[in-house]
Protein backbone atom coordinates (compact mmCIF):
# COMPACT_ATOMS: atom_id res chain seq x y z
CA UNK A 1 135.04 65.96 139.06
CA UNK A 2 133.57 64.95 136.02
CA UNK A 3 130.43 66.89 136.37
CA UNK A 4 130.60 70.17 139.25
CA UNK A 5 128.53 73.49 139.78
CA UNK A 6 130.39 76.60 139.61
CA UNK A 7 128.14 78.90 141.04
CA UNK A 8 124.64 79.49 138.69
CA UNK A 9 127.26 76.79 136.00
CA UNK A 10 126.74 73.60 135.59
CA UNK A 11 130.19 72.59 134.08
CA UNK A 12 130.84 69.19 132.66
CA UNK A 13 134.99 68.13 131.97
CA UNK A 14 134.68 67.30 129.11
CA UNK A 15 139.00 66.01 129.24
CA UNK A 16 138.08 64.09 132.19
CA UNK A 17 135.50 61.80 130.31
CA UNK A 18 138.32 59.32 128.65
CA UNK A 19 134.89 57.64 127.11
CA UNK A 20 134.95 60.79 124.64
CA UNK A 21 138.33 62.07 123.69
CA UNK A 22 138.20 60.33 120.05
CA UNK A 23 134.57 61.88 119.10
CA UNK A 24 133.42 65.65 118.01
CA UNK A 25 132.59 68.69 120.45
CA UNK A 26 128.72 67.33 119.05
CA UNK A 27 129.59 64.33 120.83
CA UNK A 28 130.18 65.72 123.89
CA UNK A 29 127.27 68.09 123.57
CA UNK A 30 125.43 65.34 123.97
CA UNK A 31 126.75 63.75 126.78
CA UNK A 32 126.45 67.41 128.87
CA UNK A 33 123.67 67.17 131.19
CA UNK A 34 120.60 68.33 129.93
CA UNK A 35 121.73 68.73 126.61
CA UNK A 36 120.45 67.16 123.45
CA UNK A 37 121.90 66.95 120.12
CA UNK A 38 118.93 66.04 117.11
CA UNK A 39 120.17 64.37 113.88
CA UNK A 40 119.98 67.46 112.40
CA UNK A 41 122.48 69.22 115.08
CA UNK A 42 120.06 71.35 116.53
CA UNK A 43 121.01 71.78 119.99
CA UNK A 44 117.73 72.53 123.33
CA UNK A 45 119.41 72.46 127.06
CA UNK A 46 116.31 71.07 129.08
CA UNK A 47 114.08 71.48 126.77
CA UNK A 48 115.04 74.82 125.11
CA UNK A 49 115.93 75.93 122.03
CA UNK A 50 116.44 79.53 122.67
CA UNK A 51 120.05 79.02 122.83
CA UNK A 52 123.34 81.01 122.69
CA UNK A 53 126.36 78.85 121.81
CA UNK A 54 129.63 80.35 123.16
CA UNK A 55 133.01 79.47 122.61
CA UNK A 56 136.21 81.08 125.14
CA UNK A 57 133.60 82.92 127.21
CA UNK A 58 132.92 84.77 123.94
CA UNK A 59 129.89 84.56 121.67
CA UNK A 60 130.32 82.74 118.32
CA UNK A 61 128.95 84.99 116.06
CA UNK A 62 128.43 81.51 113.83
CA UNK A 63 126.02 81.09 111.48
CA UNK A 64 123.32 78.13 111.96
CA UNK A 65 124.70 76.16 108.95
CA UNK A 66 128.38 76.64 110.11
CA UNK A 67 128.20 76.83 112.97
CA UNK A 68 126.74 73.21 112.96
CA UNK A 69 129.99 72.02 111.02
CA UNK A 70 132.29 74.07 113.78
CA UNK A 71 130.61 72.06 116.48
CA UNK A 72 130.87 68.23 114.38
CA UNK A 73 135.30 69.36 113.31
CA UNK A 74 136.87 70.49 116.42
CA UNK A 75 137.06 67.09 118.15
CA UNK A 76 136.43 66.97 121.74
CA UNK A 77 140.12 66.16 122.83
CA UNK A 78 140.65 70.16 121.77
CA UNK A 79 137.55 70.61 125.01
CA UNK A 80 138.37 71.15 128.22
CA UNK A 81 135.00 72.08 129.96
CA UNK A 82 131.03 73.05 128.38
CA UNK A 83 129.65 75.03 130.32
CA UNK A 84 126.21 75.11 130.56
CA UNK A 85 123.61 78.24 131.68
CA UNK A 86 120.19 78.50 131.72
CA UNK A 87 118.79 82.08 132.66
CA UNK A 88 121.33 83.49 132.22
CA UNK A 89 122.14 86.97 133.94
CA UNK A 90 123.03 90.33 132.08
CA UNK A 91 125.82 89.87 132.39
CA UNK A 92 126.06 88.04 129.29
CA UNK A 93 123.95 90.24 127.54
CA UNK A 94 122.18 87.65 125.70
CA UNK A 95 117.68 87.78 124.93
CA UNK A 96 118.69 83.41 124.86
CA UNK A 97 116.89 81.18 127.07
CA UNK A 98 120.08 79.48 127.94
CA UNK A 99 123.51 79.85 127.39
CA UNK A 100 125.49 76.68 126.57
CA UNK A 101 129.68 78.13 127.12
CA UNK A 102 132.72 75.51 125.18
CA UNK A 103 135.98 76.41 126.30
CA UNK A 104 138.16 74.48 124.59
CA UNK A 105 141.92 73.50 126.11
CA UNK A 106 143.98 75.62 123.62
CA UNK A 107 143.75 78.81 121.97
CA UNK A 108 142.55 79.34 118.41
CA UNK A 109 144.57 81.79 116.14
CA UNK A 110 143.10 81.49 113.38
CA UNK A 111 140.38 78.76 111.99
CA UNK A 112 138.62 78.88 108.84
CA UNK A 113 136.25 76.57 107.20
CA UNK A 114 133.52 76.22 104.19
CA UNK A 115 131.14 73.56 104.36
CA UNK A 116 128.18 73.79 100.91
CA UNK A 117 124.97 71.44 100.37
CA UNK A 118 122.41 70.85 98.69
CA UNK A 119 118.73 69.03 99.79
CA UNK A 120 115.67 67.91 96.77
CA UNK A 121 113.04 65.25 95.41
CA UNK A 122 111.64 64.16 93.52
CA UNK A 123 108.98 66.48 93.86
CA UNK A 124 110.81 68.23 92.58
CA UNK A 125 112.37 70.42 94.73
CA UNK A 126 116.29 71.88 94.75
CA UNK A 127 117.98 74.24 97.92
CA UNK A 128 121.47 74.14 97.61
CA UNK A 129 123.67 75.86 100.37
CA UNK A 130 126.92 77.47 101.07
CA UNK A 131 128.36 78.65 104.13
CA UNK A 132 132.02 80.02 105.09
CA UNK A 133 133.69 81.17 107.80
CA UNK A 134 136.90 83.16 108.52
CA UNK A 135 138.44 84.06 112.33
CA UNK A 136 142.06 86.06 113.33
CA UNK A 137 142.90 86.25 116.48
CA UNK A 138 140.29 89.65 116.72
CA UNK A 139 138.46 89.73 113.54
CA UNK A 140 135.87 86.97 112.25
CA UNK A 141 133.34 86.94 109.35
CA UNK A 142 130.81 85.11 108.49
CA UNK A 143 128.87 84.72 104.99
CA UNK A 144 125.55 82.07 104.10
CA UNK A 145 123.48 81.69 101.06
CA UNK A 146 120.64 79.34 100.10
CA UNK A 147 118.80 79.46 98.11
CA UNK A 148 115.17 77.19 96.81
CA UNK A 149 113.60 76.43 94.02
CA UNK A 150 110.55 73.79 93.38
CA UNK A 151 107.72 72.97 90.64
CA UNK A 152 104.29 70.93 91.56
CA UNK A 153 102.03 70.01 89.48
CA UNK A 154 98.70 68.11 90.91
CA UNK A 155 95.80 67.17 88.70
CA UNK A 156 92.63 65.97 89.86
CA UNK A 157 89.84 64.22 88.66
CA UNK A 158 86.21 63.77 90.84
CA UNK A 159 82.68 62.62 89.30
CA UNK A 160 79.44 62.09 91.80
CA UNK A 161 76.99 61.57 91.00
CA UNK A 162 73.48 62.35 93.36
CA UNK A 163 69.44 61.70 93.15
CA UNK A 164 66.61 63.05 95.27
CA UNK A 165 63.52 60.67 96.15
CA UNK A 166 60.53 61.28 94.46
CA UNK A 167 57.29 60.82 97.05
CA UNK A 168 56.41 57.47 96.26
CA UNK A 169 58.45 54.85 96.41
CA UNK A 170 60.04 54.46 93.47
CA UNK A 171 60.01 57.82 91.48
CA UNK A 172 63.19 60.12 92.00
CA UNK A 173 62.68 63.86 91.21
CA UNK A 174 66.87 64.96 90.15
CA UNK A 175 69.24 63.16 89.20
CA UNK A 176 72.54 65.67 89.01
CA UNK A 177 75.72 63.86 87.21
CA UNK A 178 78.88 66.70 87.80
CA UNK A 179 82.38 65.88 86.75
CA UNK A 180 84.87 68.14 86.98
CA UNK A 181 88.65 67.96 86.20
CA UNK A 182 91.69 70.22 87.94
CA UNK A 183 95.24 71.19 87.30
CA UNK A 184 96.92 72.59 89.64
CA UNK A 185 100.31 74.58 89.43
CA UNK A 186 102.83 75.99 91.47
CA UNK A 187 106.70 77.10 91.40
CA UNK A 188 108.97 78.51 93.86
CA UNK A 189 112.25 80.53 93.78
CA UNK A 190 113.79 81.95 96.92
CA UNK A 191 116.84 82.83 98.43
CA UNK A 192 118.20 85.16 101.00
CA UNK A 193 122.19 85.47 102.26
CA UNK A 194 123.68 86.98 105.90
CA UNK A 195 126.87 88.17 106.87
CA UNK A 196 128.45 89.41 109.71
CA UNK A 197 131.62 90.53 110.62
CA UNK A 198 133.09 90.51 114.40
CA UNK A 199 135.47 92.95 115.82
CA UNK A 200 137.27 92.68 119.51
CA UNK A 201 138.53 96.34 120.26
CA UNK A 202 139.84 95.29 123.68
CA UNK A 203 139.54 92.68 125.94
CA UNK A 204 136.56 94.74 127.65
CA UNK A 205 134.30 95.62 123.74
CA UNK A 206 133.43 94.67 120.90
CA UNK A 207 131.19 95.44 117.28
CA UNK A 208 129.21 93.32 115.31
CA UNK A 209 128.24 93.70 111.58
CA UNK A 210 125.46 92.84 110.57
CA UNK A 211 123.46 92.34 107.45
CA UNK A 212 120.99 90.05 105.33
CA UNK A 213 118.65 89.77 102.66
CA UNK A 214 115.39 87.78 101.28
CA UNK A 215 113.60 87.42 98.39
CA UNK A 216 111.11 84.69 97.51
CA UNK A 217 108.33 84.80 94.10
CA UNK A 218 105.43 82.26 94.24
CA UNK A 219 103.59 81.46 91.23
CA UNK A 220 100.24 80.03 90.92
CA UNK A 221 97.93 78.14 88.64
CA UNK A 222 94.79 76.42 88.87
CA UNK A 223 92.52 76.00 85.54
CA UNK A 224 89.43 74.03 86.25
CA UNK A 225 86.58 72.71 83.55
CA UNK A 226 83.43 71.15 85.35
CA UNK A 227 80.73 69.72 83.39
CA UNK A 228 77.15 69.12 85.27
CA UNK A 229 73.83 67.97 83.68
CA UNK A 230 70.60 67.72 85.49
CA UNK A 231 68.03 64.83 84.61
CA UNK A 232 64.66 65.62 85.18
CA UNK A 233 62.65 62.81 84.21
CA UNK A 234 58.77 63.27 86.02
CA UNK A 235 58.57 66.43 84.32
CA UNK A 236 56.12 66.60 80.89
CA UNK A 237 58.00 66.66 78.73
CA UNK A 238 61.10 65.10 80.49
CA UNK A 239 64.25 66.98 79.58
CA UNK A 240 67.52 67.51 81.14
CA UNK A 241 70.08 70.13 80.97
CA UNK A 242 73.82 70.58 80.62
CA UNK A 243 75.91 73.46 82.48
CA UNK A 244 79.54 73.20 81.67
CA UNK A 245 81.69 76.14 82.83
CA UNK A 246 85.49 76.87 82.86
CA UNK A 247 87.74 78.70 84.95
CA UNK A 248 91.06 79.65 85.18
CA UNK A 249 92.96 81.46 88.16
CA UNK A 250 96.54 82.65 88.58
CA UNK A 251 98.75 84.40 91.58
CA UNK A 252 101.95 86.00 91.50
CA UNK A 253 103.79 86.36 94.90
CA UNK A 254 106.66 88.28 95.35
CA UNK A 255 108.47 89.07 98.34
CA UNK A 256 111.22 90.96 99.70
CA UNK A 257 113.10 91.82 102.24
CA UNK A 258 116.63 93.30 103.65
CA UNK A 259 118.66 93.94 106.86
CA UNK A 260 121.23 96.09 108.73
CA UNK A 261 121.90 96.34 111.99
CA UNK A 262 125.27 97.29 113.94
CA UNK A 263 125.68 96.88 117.60
CA UNK A 264 128.46 97.68 120.10
CA UNK A 265 129.52 96.06 123.41
CA UNK A 266 131.73 97.28 126.53
CA UNK A 267 131.62 95.33 129.45
CA UNK A 268 132.69 97.32 132.75
CA UNK A 269 134.02 94.24 134.09
CA UNK A 270 132.55 89.97 134.54
CA UNK A 271 130.11 90.59 136.64
CA UNK A 272 127.47 91.78 134.78
CA UNK A 273 128.19 95.51 134.49
CA UNK A 274 128.10 96.14 130.57
CA UNK A 275 126.37 99.14 128.65
CA UNK A 276 124.70 97.46 124.83
CA UNK A 277 124.34 99.91 122.05
CA UNK A 278 122.76 98.38 118.77
CA UNK A 279 120.85 100.13 115.77
CA UNK A 280 119.06 98.10 113.32
CA UNK A 281 117.42 99.00 110.05
CA UNK A 282 115.17 96.91 107.22
CA UNK A 283 113.35 97.17 104.68
CA UNK A 284 110.73 94.99 102.83
CA UNK A 285 107.78 94.99 99.73
CA UNK A 286 104.78 92.49 99.42
CA UNK A 287 103.25 92.39 96.63
CA UNK A 288 100.27 90.08 94.50
CA UNK A 289 98.55 90.01 91.59
CA UNK A 290 95.57 87.92 91.30
CA UNK A 291 93.59 86.84 88.12
CA UNK A 292 90.48 84.84 88.64
CA UNK A 293 87.49 84.02 85.47
CA UNK A 294 84.36 81.53 85.10
CA UNK A 295 83.23 81.70 81.83
CA UNK A 296 79.74 79.62 81.32
CA UNK A 297 78.73 78.26 78.33
CA UNK A 298 75.09 78.69 78.40
CA UNK A 299 74.40 81.21 81.49
CA UNK A 300 76.85 84.01 79.84
CA UNK A 301 75.35 86.62 82.94
CA UNK A 302 77.03 84.30 85.68
CA UNK A 303 81.12 85.47 84.65
CA UNK A 304 82.80 86.06 86.38
CA UNK A 305 86.12 88.55 85.93
CA UNK A 306 88.60 90.07 89.48
CA UNK A 307 91.23 91.48 89.31
CA UNK A 308 93.19 91.94 92.64
CA UNK A 309 97.02 94.15 93.41
CA UNK A 310 97.64 94.62 96.96
CA UNK A 311 101.19 96.36 97.46
CA UNK A 312 103.10 97.63 100.22
CA UNK A 313 106.79 98.77 101.66
CA UNK A 314 107.77 98.98 104.34
CA UNK A 315 110.82 100.08 106.36
CA UNK A 316 111.75 101.38 109.78
CA UNK A 317 115.10 101.85 112.19
CA UNK A 318 115.58 101.23 115.72
CA UNK A 319 117.95 102.81 118.40
CA UNK A 320 118.19 100.16 121.61
CA UNK A 321 120.10 101.48 124.69
CA UNK A 322 120.70 99.53 127.14
CA UNK A 323 122.83 99.78 130.25
CA UNK A 324 123.26 97.15 132.81
CA UNK A 325 124.72 97.03 136.81
CA UNK A 326 124.96 94.57 139.64
CA UNK A 327 123.61 95.95 142.78
CA UNK A 328 124.39 92.44 145.42
CA UNK A 329 125.51 88.67 143.76
CA UNK A 330 121.99 87.87 143.35
CA UNK A 331 120.42 91.21 141.89
CA UNK A 332 120.47 94.01 139.61
CA UNK A 333 119.25 96.74 136.91
CA UNK A 334 118.89 97.18 134.12
CA UNK A 335 117.70 101.25 132.32
CA UNK A 336 116.41 100.84 128.68
CA UNK A 337 115.87 102.96 126.06
CA UNK A 338 114.33 102.64 122.07
CA UNK A 339 113.63 105.04 119.67
CA UNK A 340 111.57 103.38 116.73
CA UNK A 341 110.48 104.62 113.50
CA UNK A 342 108.53 102.34 110.82
CA UNK A 343 106.26 103.37 108.32
CA UNK A 344 104.07 101.60 105.72
CA UNK A 345 103.04 102.16 101.93
CA UNK A 346 100.19 100.11 101.04
CA UNK A 347 97.96 99.58 97.46
CA UNK A 348 95.21 97.86 97.12
CA UNK A 349 93.77 98.13 94.05
CA UNK A 350 90.52 96.13 92.54
CA UNK A 351 88.48 94.99 89.55
CA UNK A 352 85.65 93.25 88.30
CA UNK A 353 84.71 92.94 84.78
CA UNK A 354 81.13 91.36 85.75
CA UNK A 355 79.82 94.67 87.15
CA UNK A 356 81.99 97.08 85.78
CA UNK A 357 85.01 98.58 86.75
CA UNK A 358 85.62 98.63 90.43
CA UNK A 359 88.43 101.04 92.16
CA UNK A 360 88.71 100.24 96.66
CA UNK A 361 90.07 103.71 96.93
CA UNK A 362 89.21 102.82 100.38
CA UNK A 363 91.47 100.36 101.08
CA UNK A 364 94.39 102.11 100.02
CA UNK A 365 96.11 104.29 102.38
CA UNK A 366 99.21 105.85 104.54
CA UNK A 367 100.63 104.98 107.46
CA UNK A 368 103.47 106.18 109.57
């Protein structure tokens, strides 16, 4: 049959569907019940986006871009069936809410492909990326790298006029005029890399390594010139007061994140009896500097000059051990142990020139 139930799986026998044989795996997924693939290649199953894609009863271990390329290039006539599993049991050893298993009709001994692209606009911004996958027998390697650069300017000019009516008709007390010109500049540079190596030790066990990093710099500058004029026509003598000020601010922020992990899975049978051991480490650095000053031409006692520095460095590692053992067809027991360590150092310095030097040491702390 074209569709069938196999235990808790819904099976779509692609090989029995003549309408899809000239298409791709992505086309076949669109025909699978409950599966939706949007124009960007993102997959959902009955509205659930937390999905793990398996190939021939094993996790694909592909990056997002590699997976999209794989599904768009593998012909549908190389697929025997597509299995969809919602609420996967411990047998699948996954934290995803659903699993889609693609079973091919032929054994693929080796495979490799590279995909790359670039997105951009006249704002301007440009975002290149490259993805590479290599697989042969028991070993697979996935690499992914991307970057982004944007540089945007925004200019705003505003004018406002306000009048306050007097007690008698036709009179007014104060007229206030405000003219403001503001320019905002924003520059952003970011990039990330990811690597995954998966090795099948034997038919029942495998080991996986993954590492990656992310960097982001965001810089903003603001320049605002404001001119305020107050008219007092009912005063004796009549006079007006002009107040002008210039405001400048600048913020530079840097974010760095890195991670490394290793996972080992041992399957004792195909019913969900397995052992998983995972070690993960992470390190991050987040820092920002903010400058702000507002200078008046007339009321210099209102001048403001401030500086703020925040700096946070953290690292941590965790060890997870999970043992799953079914005790019946409809029940299973899961035993887990987790050890986690995290350390964070924070620095917070504030400087206010209008009040004198102020070092806000109360906000600087060390946490373990």
